[in-house]
Amino acid sequence: MSYFMKQTIQVHISKGETHYVAECLNLPVVTQGKTLDELMGNLQEAVALQLEDEDPSTFDLVTRPAIIANIEIENREYA
């Protein structure tokens, strides 16, 4: 077991044509939602299901890791 297990699950969020998409960088989890609120609910559920009946140390994670998300914002010019 690693002495330096990760305390966070890193997630990249981007906006597709119709939905936001979240992809975990250190877990095999991808989910989507029409709004950011829906996406975050789906993400929490998907991560919980992925870790259900699993030992988080298998993924080099502590027992109750936090989720940190980076959101990709569209580059828009404002007048």
PDB file of N, CA and C in Angstrom:
ATOM      1  N   MET A   1       0.838  -1.174   0.000  1.00  0.00           N
ATOM      2  CA  MET A   1       0.000   0.000   0.000  1.00  0.00           C
ATOM      3  C   MET A   1       0.886   1.241   0.000  1.00  0.00           C
ATOM      4  N   SER A   2       0.504   2.236  -0.771  1.00  0.00           N
ATOM      5  CA  SER A   2       1.265   3.466  -0.894  1.00  0.00           C
ATOM      6  C   SER A   2       1.078   4.340   0.342  1.00  0.00           C
ATOM      7  N   TYR A   3       2.151   5.015   0.768  1.00  0.00           N
ATOM      8  CA  TYR A   3       2.055   5.950   1.885  1.00  0.00           C
ATOM      9  C   TYR A   3       1.476   7.292   1.434  1.00  0.00           C
ATOM     10  N   PHE A   4       1.435   7.514   0.142  1.00  0.00           N
ATOM     11  CA  PHE A   4       0.989   8.795  -0.403  1.00  0.00           C
ATOM     12  C   PHE A   4      -0.247   8.607  -1.283  1.00  0.00           C
ATOM     13  N   MET A   5      -1.273   7.989  -0.739  1.00  0.00           N
ATOM     14  CA  MET A   5      -2.500   7.787  -1.516  1.00  0.00           C
ATOM     15  C   MET A   5      -3.177   9.129  -1.755  1.00  0.00           C
ATOM     16  N   LYS A   6      -3.816   9.239  -2.879  1.00  0.00           N
ATOM     17  CA  LYS A   6      -4.481  10.479  -3.272  1.00  0.00           C
ATOM     18  C   LYS A   6      -5.720  10.711  -2.405  1.00  0.00           C
ATOM     19  N   GLN A   7      -5.906  11.978  -2.021  1.00  0.00           N
ATOM     20  CA  GLN A   7      -7.070  12.360  -1.240  1.00  0.00           C
ATOM     21  C   GLN A   7      -8.154  12.955  -2.115  1.00  0.00           C
ATOM     22  N   THR A   8      -7.849  13.123  -3.410  1.00  0.00           N
ATOM     23  CA  THR A   8      -8.826  13.727  -4.307  1.00  0.00           C
ATOM     24  C   THR A   8      -8.973  12.917  -5.587  1.00  0.00           C
ATOM     25  N   ILE A   9     -10.161  12.973  -6.126  1.00  0.00           N
ATOM     26  CA  ILE A   9     -10.444  12.415  -7.449  1.00  0.00           C
ATOM     27  C   ILE A   9     -10.505  13.610  -8.389  1.00  0.00           C
ATOM     28  N   GLN A  10      -9.639  13.636  -9.370  1.00  0.00           N
ATOM     29  CA  GLN A  10      -9.583  14.758 -10.305  1.00  0.00           C
ATOM     30  C   GLN A  10     -10.531  14.500 -11.469  1.00  0.00           C
ATOM     31  N   VAL A  11     -11.271  15.544 -11.832  1.00  0.00           N
ATOM     32  CA  VAL A  11     -12.277  15.439 -12.888  1.00  0.00           C
ATOM     33  C   VAL A  11     -12.129  16.607 -13.854  1.00  0.00           C
ATOM     34  N   HIS A  12     -12.192  16.309 -15.128  1.00  0.00           N
ATOM     35  CA  HIS A  12     -12.197  17.342 -16.168  1.00  0.00           C
ATOM     36  C   HIS A  12     -13.617  17.454 -16.693  1.00  0.00           C
ATOM     37  N   ILE A  13     -14.152  18.680 -16.716  1.00  0.00           N
ATOM     38  CA  ILE A  13     -15.512  18.920 -17.200  1.00  0.00           C
ATOM     39  C   ILE A  13     -15.438  19.806 -18.436  1.00  0.00           C
ATOM     40  N   SER A  14     -16.148  19.384 -19.472  1.00  0.00           N
ATOM     41  CA  SER A  14     -16.211  20.187 -20.692  1.00  0.00           C
ATOM     42  C   SER A  14     -17.661  20.286 -21.146  1.00  0.00           C
ATOM     43  N   LYS A  15     -17.934  21.257 -22.002  1.00  0.00           N
ATOM     44  CA  LYS A  15     -19.292  21.460 -22.522  1.00  0.00           C
ATOM     45  C   LYS A  15     -19.344  20.929 -23.931  1.00  0.00           C
ATOM     46  N   GLY A  16     -20.221  19.946 -24.164  1.00  0.00           N
ATOM     47  CA  GLY A  16     -20.456  19.438 -25.504  1.00  0.00           C
ATOM     48  C   GLY A  16     -21.534  20.271 -26.169  1.00  0.00           C
ATOM     49  N   GLU A  17     -22.088  19.780 -27.255  1.00  0.00           N
ATOM     50  CA  GLU A  17     -23.124  20.528 -27.962  1.00  0.00           C
ATOM     51  C   GLU A  17     -24.406  20.650 -27.137  1.00  0.00           C
ATOM     52  N   THR A  18     -24.761  19.586 -26.412  1.00  0.00           N
ATOM     53  CA  THR A  18     -26.018  19.615 -25.655  1.00  0.00           C
ATOM     54  C   THR A  18     -25.860  19.286 -24.176  1.00  0.00           C
ATOM     55  N   HIS A  19     -24.724  18.732 -23.768  1.00  0.00           N
ATOM     56  CA  HIS A  19     -24.528  18.312 -22.387  1.00  0.00           C
ATOM     57  C   HIS A  19     -23.132  18.688 -21.898  1.00  0.00           C
ATOM     58  N   TYR A  20     -23.011  18.783 -20.572  1.00  0.00           N
ATOM     59  CA  TYR A  20     -21.698  18.860 -19.940  1.00  0.00           C
ATOM     60  C   TYR A  20     -21.207  17.433 -19.750  1.00  0.00           C
ATOM     61  N   VAL A  21     -19.904  17.231 -19.898  1.00  0.00           N
ATOM     62  CA  VAL A  21     -19.312  15.896 -19.763  1.00  0.00           C
ATOM     63  C   VAL A  21     -18.223  15.949 -18.698  1.00  0.00           C
ATOM     64  N   ALA A  22     -18.245  14.995 -17.776  1.00  0.00           N
ATOM     65  CA  ALA A  22     -17.224  14.885 -16.731  1.00  0.00           C
ATOM     66  C   ALA A  22     -16.457  13.591 -16.933  1.00  0.00           C
ATOM     67  N   GLU A  23     -15.129  13.698 -16.929  1.00  0.00           N
ATOM     68  CA  GLU A  23     -14.273  12.529 -17.079  1.00  0.00           C
ATOM     69  C   GLU A  23     -13.251  12.518 -15.947  1.00  0.00           C
ATOM     70  N   CYS A  24     -13.303  11.477 -15.126  1.00  0.00           N
ATOM     71  CA  CYS A  24     -12.353  11.350 -14.028  1.00  0.00           C
ATOM     72  C   CYS A  24     -10.977  10.992 -14.590  1.00  0.00           C
ATOM     73  N   LEU A  25      -9.945  11.598 -14.002  1.00  0.00           N
ATOM     74  CA  LEU A  25      -8.583  11.354 -14.468  1.00  0.00           C
ATOM     75  C   LEU A  25      -7.937  10.165 -13.765  1.00  0.00           C
ATOM     76  N   ASN A  26      -8.412   9.827 -12.559  1.00  0.00           N
ATOM     77  CA  ASN A  26      -7.798   8.710 -11.837  1.00  0.00           C
ATOM     78  C   ASN A  26      -8.791   7.615 -11.466  1.00  0.00           C
ATOM     79  N   LEU A  27      -9.936   7.593 -12.139  1.00  0.00           N
ATOM     80  CA  LEU A  27     -10.926   6.515 -12.021  1.00  0.00           C
ATOM     81  C   LEU A  27     -11.551   6.308 -13.394  1.00  0.00           C
ATOM     82  N   PRO A  28     -11.975   5.097 -13.704  1.00  0.00           N
ATOM     83  CA  PRO A  28     -12.632   4.867 -14.993  1.00  0.00           C
ATOM     84  C   PRO A  28     -14.104   5.279 -14.948  1.00  0.00           C
ATOM     85  N   VAL A  29     -14.344   6.603 -14.847  1.00  0.00           N
ATOM     86  CA  VAL A  29     -15.696   7.137 -14.739  1.00  0.00           C
ATOM     87  C   VAL A  29     -15.869   8.287 -15.727  1.00  0.00           C
ATOM     88  N   VAL A  30     -16.930   8.215 -16.527  1.00  0.00           N
ATOM     89  CA  VAL A  30     -17.346   9.296 -17.419  1.00  0.00           C
ATOM     90  C   VAL A  30     -18.857   9.409 -17.284  1.00  0.00           C
ATOM     91  N   THR A  31     -19.351  10.654 -17.153  1.00  0.00           N
ATOM     92  CA  THR A  31     -20.792  10.863 -17.056  1.00  0.00           C
ATOM     93  C   THR A  31     -21.137  12.202 -17.692  1.00  0.00           C
ATOM     94  N   GLN A  32     -22.436  12.473 -17.812  1.00  0.00           N
ATOM     95  CA  GLN A  32     -22.870  13.720 -18.442  1.00  0.00           C
ATOM     96  C   GLN A  32     -24.135  14.235 -17.780  1.00  0.00           C
ATOM     97  N   GLY A  33     -24.475  15.496 -18.071  1.00  0.00           N
ATOM     98  CA  GLY A  33     -25.701  16.098 -17.575  1.00  0.00           C
ATOM     99  C   GLY A  33     -26.042  17.322 -18.398  1.00  0.00           C
ATOM    100  N   LYS A  34     -27.326  17.650 -18.455  1.00  0.00           N
ATOM    101  CA  LYS A  34     -27.759  18.817 -19.232  1.00  0.00           C
ATOM    102  C   LYS A  34     -27.334  20.122 -18.576  1.00  0.00           C
ATOM    103  N   THR A  35     -27.277  20.138 -17.240  1.00  0.00           N
ATOM    104  CA  THR A  35     -26.839  21.313 -16.494  1.00  0.00           C
ATOM    105  C   THR A  35     -25.661  20.917 -15.612  1.00  0.00           C
ATOM    106  N   LEU A  36     -24.947  21.916 -15.081  1.00  0.00           N
ATOM    107  CA  LEU A  36     -23.841  21.604 -14.177  1.00  0.00           C
ATOM    108  C   LEU A  36     -24.353  20.944 -12.899  1.00  0.00           C
ATOM    109  N   ASP A  37     -25.515  21.372 -12.406  1.00  0.00           N
ATOM    110  CA  ASP A  37     -26.089  20.743 -11.216  1.00  0.00           C
ATOM    111  C   ASP A  37     -26.400  19.269 -11.463  1.00  0.00           C
ATOM    112  N   GLU A  38     -27.019  18.981 -12.608  1.00  0.00           N
ATOM    113  CA  GLU A  38     -27.328  17.591 -12.954  1.00  0.00           C
ATOM    114  C   GLU A  38     -26.036  16.794 -13.122  1.00  0.00           C
ATOM    115  N   LEU A  39     -25.056  17.396 -13.759  1.00  0.00           N
ATOM    116  CA  LEU A  39     -23.775  16.719 -13.963  1.00  0.00           C
ATOM    117  C   LEU A  39     -23.122  16.359 -12.637  1.00  0.00           C
ATOM    118  N   MET A  40     -23.111  17.290 -11.685  1.00  0.00           N
ATOM    119  CA  MET A  40     -22.468  17.021 -10.398  1.00  0.00           C
ATOM    120  C   MET A  40     -23.183  15.907  -9.644  1.00  0.00           C
ATOM    121  N   GLY A  41     -24.510  15.873  -9.705  1.00  0.00           N
ATOM    122  CA  GLY A  41     -25.255  14.773  -9.086  1.00  0.00           C
ATOM    123  C   GLY A  41     -24.919  13.448  -9.736  1.00  0.00           C
ATOM    124  N   ASN A  42     -24.877  13.446 -11.069  1.00  0.00           N
ATOM    125  CA  ASN A  42     -24.532  12.219 -11.806  1.00  0.00           C
ATOM    126  C   ASN A  42     -23.097  11.783 -11.502  1.00  0.00           C
ATOM    127  N   LEU A  43     -22.204  12.758 -11.378  1.00  0.00           N
ATOM    128  CA  LEU A  43     -20.797  12.444 -11.088  1.00  0.00           C
ATOM    129  C   LEU A  43     -20.648  11.800  -9.713  1.00  0.00           C
ATOM    130  N   GLN A  44     -21.294  12.378  -8.709  1.00  0.00           N
ATOM    131  CA  GLN A  44     -21.215  11.805  -7.359  1.00  0.00           C
ATOM    132  C   GLN A  44     -21.770  10.385  -7.342  1.00  0.00           C
ATOM    133  N   GLU A  45     -22.876  10.171  -8.036  1.00  0.00           N
ATOM    134  CA  GLU A  45     -23.481   8.837  -8.097  1.00  0.00           C
ATOM    135  C   GLU A  45     -22.561   7.857  -8.835  1.00  0.00           C
ATOM    136  N   ALA A  46     -21.986   8.286  -9.954  1.00  0.00           N
ATOM    137  CA  ALA A  46     -21.123   7.406 -10.745  1.00  0.00           C
ATOM    138  C   ALA A  46     -19.858   7.027  -9.966  1.00  0.00           C
ATOM    139  N   VAL A  47     -19.281   7.992  -9.251  1.00  0.00           N
ATOM    140  CA  VAL A  47     -18.079   7.701  -8.453  1.00  0.00           C
ATOM    141  C   VAL A  47     -18.437   6.742  -7.319  1.00  0.00           C
ATOM    142  N   ALA A  48     -19.556   6.981  -6.652  1.00  0.00           N
ATOM    143  CA  ALA A  48     -19.978   6.090  -5.563  1.00  0.00           C
ATOM    144  C   ALA A  48     -20.195   4.667  -6.077  1.00  0.00           C
ATOM    145  N   LEU A  49     -20.823   4.537  -7.243  1.00  0.00           N
ATOM    146  CA  LEU A  49     -21.044   3.201  -7.818  1.00  0.00           C
ATOM    147  C   LEU A  49     -19.723   2.536  -8.201  1.00  0.00           C
ATOM    148  N   GLN A  50     -18.783   3.316  -8.734  1.00  0.00           N
ATOM    149  CA  GLN A  50     -17.479   2.753  -9.116  1.00  0.00           C
ATOM    150  C   GLN A  50     -16.729   2.232  -7.895  1.00  0.00           C
ATOM    151  N   LEU A  51     -16.822   2.957  -6.785  1.00  0.00           N
ATOM    152  CA  LEU A  51     -16.072   2.576  -5.579  1.00  0.00           C
ATOM    153  C   LEU A  51     -16.837   1.607  -4.683  1.00  0.00           C
ATOM    154  N   GLU A  52     -18.118   1.366  -4.997  1.00  0.00           N
ATOM    155  CA  GLU A  52     -18.920   0.434  -4.197  1.00  0.00           C
ATOM    156  C   GLU A  52     -18.293  -0.955  -4.252  1.00  0.00           C
ATOM    157  N   ASP A  53     -18.137  -1.563  -3.094  1.00  0.00           N
ATOM    158  CA  ASP A  53     -17.547  -2.906  -2.974  1.00  0.00           C
ATOM    159  C   ASP A  53     -16.099  -2.959  -3.476  1.00  0.00           C
ATOM    160  N   GLU A  54     -15.444  -1.815  -3.597  1.00  0.00           N
ATOM    161  CA  GLU A  54     -14.040  -1.759  -4.006  1.00  0.00           C
ATOM    162  C   GLU A  54     -13.210  -1.227  -2.844  1.00  0.00           C
ATOM    163  N   ASP A  55     -11.968  -1.583  -2.825  1.00  0.00           N
ATOM    164  CA  ASP A  55     -11.020  -1.006  -1.887  1.00  0.00           C
ATOM    165  C   ASP A  55     -10.416   0.211  -2.578  1.00  0.00           C
ATOM    166  N   PRO A  56     -10.676   1.438  -2.074  1.00  0.00           N
ATOM    167  CA  PRO A  56     -10.164   2.632  -2.745  1.00  0.00           C
ATOM    168  C   PRO A  56      -8.648   2.612  -2.962  1.00  0.00           C
ATOM    169  N   SER A  57      -7.919   1.893  -2.109  1.00  0.00           N
ATOM    170  CA  SER A  57      -6.462   1.836  -2.277  1.00  0.00           C
ATOM    171  C   SER A  57      -6.081   1.143  -3.588  1.00  0.00           C
ATOM    172  N   THR A  58      -6.997   0.346  -4.153  1.00  0.00           N
ATOM    173  CA  THR A  58      -6.766  -0.265  -5.460  1.00  0.00           C
ATOM    174  C   THR A  58      -6.531   0.815  -6.517  1.00  0.00           C
ATOM    175  N   PHE A  59      -7.191   1.977  -6.325  1.00  0.00           N
ATOM    176  CA  PHE A  59      -7.054   3.106  -7.237  1.00  0.00           C
ATOM    177  C   PHE A  59      -6.086   4.144  -6.676  1.00  0.00           C
ATOM    178  N   ASP A  60      -5.320   3.756  -5.640  1.00  0.00           N
ATOM    179  CA  ASP A  60      -4.370   4.641  -4.968  1.00  0.00           C
ATOM    180  C   ASP A  60      -5.076   5.831  -4.324  1.00  0.00           C
ATOM    181  N   LEU A  61      -6.298   5.590  -3.780  1.00  0.00           N
ATOM    182  CA  LEU A  61      -7.092   6.625  -3.130  1.00  0.00           C
ATOM    183  C   LEU A  61      -7.275   6.314  -1.650  1.00  0.00           C
ATOM    184  N   VAL A  62      -7.446   7.369  -0.841  1.00  0.00           N
ATOM    185  CA  VAL A  62      -7.803   7.177   0.559  1.00  0.00           C
ATOM    186  C   VAL A  62      -9.261   6.722   0.618  1.00  0.00           C
ATOM    187  N   THR A  63      -9.733   6.369   1.810  1.00  0.00           N
ATOM    188  CA  THR A  63     -11.065   5.796   1.964  1.00  0.00           C
ATOM    189  C   THR A  63     -12.191   6.718   1.507  1.00  0.00           C
ATOM    190  N   ARG A  64     -12.153   7.997   1.862  1.00  0.00           N
ATOM    191  CA  ARG A  64     -13.223   8.937   1.468  1.00  0.00           C
ATOM    192  C   ARG A  64     -12.609  10.129   0.742  1.00  0.00           C
ATOM    193  N   PRO A  65     -12.249   9.960  -0.518  1.00  0.00           N
ATOM    194  CA  PRO A  65     -11.610  11.056  -1.246  1.00  0.00           C
ATOM    195  C   PRO A  65     -12.605  12.163  -1.614  1.00  0.00           C
ATOM    196  N   ALA A  66     -12.089  13.358  -1.787  1.00  0.00           N
ATOM    197  CA  ALA A  66     -12.883  14.492  -2.263  1.00  0.00           C
ATOM    198  C   ALA A  66     -12.819  14.508  -3.785  1.00  0.00           C
ATOM    199  N   ILE A  67     -13.759  15.215  -4.397  1.00  0.00           N
ATOM    200  CA  ILE A  67     -13.765  15.373  -5.850  1.00  0.00           C
ATOM    201  C   ILE A  67     -13.390  16.811  -6.168  1.00  0.00           C
ATOM    202  N   ILE A  68     -12.373  16.990  -7.006  1.00  0.00           N
ATOM    203  CA  ILE A  68     -11.976  18.313  -7.483  1.00  0.00           C
ATOM    204  C   ILE A  68     -12.162  18.334  -8.985  1.00  0.00           C
ATOM    205  N   ALA A  69     -12.913  19.333  -9.478  1.00  0.00           N
ATOM    206  CA  ALA A  69     -13.231  19.401 -10.901  1.00  0.00           C
ATOM    207  C   ALA A  69     -12.643  20.654 -11.540  1.00  0.00           C
ATOM    208  N   ASN A  70     -12.092  20.491 -12.732  1.00  0.00           N
ATOM    209  CA  ASN A  70     -11.657  21.602 -13.572  1.00  0.00           C
ATOM    210  C   ASN A  70     -12.681  21.731 -14.685  1.00  0.00           C
ATOM    211  N   ILE A  71     -13.209  22.940 -14.872  1.00  0.00           N
ATOM    212  CA  ILE A  71     -14.228  23.159 -15.893  1.00  0.00           C
ATOM    213  C   ILE A  71     -13.614  23.921 -17.055  1.00  0.00           C
ATOM    214  N   GLU A  72     -13.772  23.354 -18.244  1.00  0.00           N
ATOM    215  CA  GLU A  72     -13.295  23.998 -19.462  1.00  0.00           C
ATOM    216  C   GLU A  72     -14.365  24.988 -19.908  1.00  0.00           C
ATOM    217  N   ILE A  73     -14.002  26.262 -19.979  1.00  0.00           N
ATOM    218  CA  ILE A  73     -14.934  27.319 -20.361  1.00  0.00           C
ATOM    219  C   ILE A  73     -14.688  27.693 -21.811  1.00  0.00           C
ATOM    220  N   GLU A  74     -15.787  27.915 -22.542  1.00  0.00           N
ATOM    221  CA  GLU A  74     -15.649  28.343 -23.931  1.00  0.00           C
ATOM    222  C   GLU A  74     -15.015  29.728 -23.962  1.00  0.00           C
ATOM    223  N   ASN A  75     -14.133  29.939 -24.917  1.00  0.00           N
ATOM    224  CA  ASN A  75     -13.502  31.233 -25.083  1.00  0.00           C
ATOM    225  C   ASN A  75     -14.434  32.132 -25.897  1.00  0.00           C
ATOM    226  N   ARG A  76     -15.013  33.135 -25.244  1.00  0.00           N
ATOM    227  CA  ARG A  76     -15.932  34.048 -25.912  1.00  0.00           C
ATOM    228  C   ARG A  76     -15.382  35.463 -25.828  1.00  0.00           C
ATOM    229  N   GLU A  77     -15.639  36.222 -26.843  1.00  0.00           N
ATOM    230  CA  GLU A  77     -15.270  37.626 -26.829  1.00  0.00           C
ATOM    231  C   GLU A  77     -16.475  38.416 -26.342  1.00  0.00           C
ATOM    232  N   TYR A  78     -16.240  39.323 -25.409  1.00  0.00           N
ATOM    233  CA  TYR A  78     -17.309  40.132 -24.869  1.00  0.00           C
ATOM    234  C   TYR A  78     -17.140  41.571 -25.335  1.00  0.00           C
ATOM    235  N   ALA A  79     -18.262  42.197 -25.642  1.00  0.00           N
ATOM    236  CA  ALA A  79     -18.229  43.590 -26.135  1.00  0.00           C
ATOM    237  C   ALA A  79     -18.186  44.553 -24.976  1.00  0.00           C
TER     238      ALA A  79
END
